[in-house]
Amino acid sequence: MNYYKKIQKSIDFIDENLTNTISINKLAGISCFSPAQFYRIFFALTGFFIKNYIREALAKGMNTFFLLPPYAT
């Protein structure tokens, strides 16, 4: 499996578990990297530090939440 697929697996996990606590060790394990490797490879492929990516994903999720009824206008 190449780096892109491994990182995509971790991104899918983040997107599916935004309401849960997400640890770097869990993400690194999903991708089969050490935590240090995961940080470097994730940034190299996405342009985001992992913490910033999770914050962005949470913000997008909250925007979607507030657009759903009964909050939609």
Protein backbone atom coordinates (compact mmCIF):
# COMPACT_ATOMS: atom_id res chain seq x y z
CA MET A 1 0.00 0.00 0.00
CA ASN A 2 1.44 3.40 -0.89
CA TYR A 3 1.69 6.48 1.32
CA TYR A 4 -1.36 8.15 -0.22
CA LYS A 5 -3.62 5.20 0.57
CA LYS A 6 -2.28 4.92 4.11
CA ILE A 7 -2.85 8.60 4.81
CA GLN A 8 -6.30 8.42 3.21
CA LYS A 9 -7.20 5.65 5.67
CA SER A 10 -6.30 7.97 8.54
CA ILE A 11 -8.29 10.85 6.99
CA ASP A 12 -11.31 8.58 6.64
CA PHE A 13 -10.93 7.59 10.29
CA ILE A 14 -10.78 11.25 11.34
CA ASP A 15 -13.88 12.12 9.32
CA GLU A 16 -15.82 9.20 10.81
CA ASN A 17 -14.74 9.88 14.41
CA LEU A 18 -14.84 13.66 14.81
CA THR A 19 -16.99 13.40 17.94
CA ASN A 20 -14.50 11.04 19.62
CA THR A 21 -11.03 11.62 21.00
CA ILE A 22 -8.48 10.98 18.25
CA SER A 23 -4.90 10.22 19.25
CA ILE A 24 -1.82 10.49 17.09
CA ASN A 25 -0.87 6.97 18.14
CA LYS A 26 -4.19 5.62 16.84
CA LEU A 27 -3.81 7.47 13.52
CA ALA A 28 -0.21 6.34 13.14
CA GLY A 29 -1.26 2.76 13.85
CA ILE A 30 -4.02 2.89 11.24
CA SER A 31 -1.48 4.12 8.70
CA CYS A 32 1.24 1.68 9.82
CA PHE A 33 3.72 4.48 10.61
CA SER A 34 5.45 5.57 13.77
CA PRO A 35 3.96 8.80 15.20
CA ALA A 36 6.98 10.80 13.99
CA GLN A 37 6.73 9.35 10.48
CA PHE A 38 2.99 9.97 10.46
CA TYR A 39 3.44 13.68 11.30
CA ARG A 40 5.98 14.16 8.52
CA ILE A 41 4.17 12.16 5.84
CA PHE A 42 0.74 13.62 6.67
CA PHE A 43 2.11 17.16 6.34
CA ALA A 44 4.03 16.34 3.15
CA LEU A 45 0.95 14.90 1.44
CA THR A 46 -1.80 17.20 2.74
CA GLY A 47 -0.05 20.47 3.54
CA PHE A 48 -1.71 20.39 6.98
CA PHE A 49 -0.35 19.63 10.39
CA ILE A 50 -2.55 16.89 11.83
CA LYS A 51 -3.95 19.11 14.61
CA ASN A 52 -4.91 21.79 12.07
CA TYR A 53 -6.54 19.23 9.79
CA ILE A 54 -8.69 17.94 12.65
CA ARG A 55 -9.69 21.51 13.58
CA GLU A 56 -10.68 22.23 9.97
CA ALA A 57 -12.66 18.99 9.77
CA LEU A 58 -14.46 19.86 13.02
CA ALA A 59 -15.28 23.34 11.74
CA LYS A 60 -16.68 21.96 8.49
CA GLY A 61 -18.70 19.41 10.42
CA MET A 62 -20.19 22.10 12.63
CA ASN A 63 -21.08 24.21 9.60
CA THR A 64 -22.98 21.25 8.18
CA PHE A 65 -24.66 20.64 11.54
CA PHE A 66 -26.03 24.17 11.71
CA LEU A 67 -27.35 23.99 8.15
CA LEU A 68 -29.51 20.98 8.99
CA PRO A 69 -33.09 21.46 10.27
CA PRO A 70 -34.20 22.96 12.58
CA TYR A 71 -31.29 25.42 12.28
CA ALA A 72 -31.60 25.91 8.52
CA THR A 73 -33.24 29.15 7.50
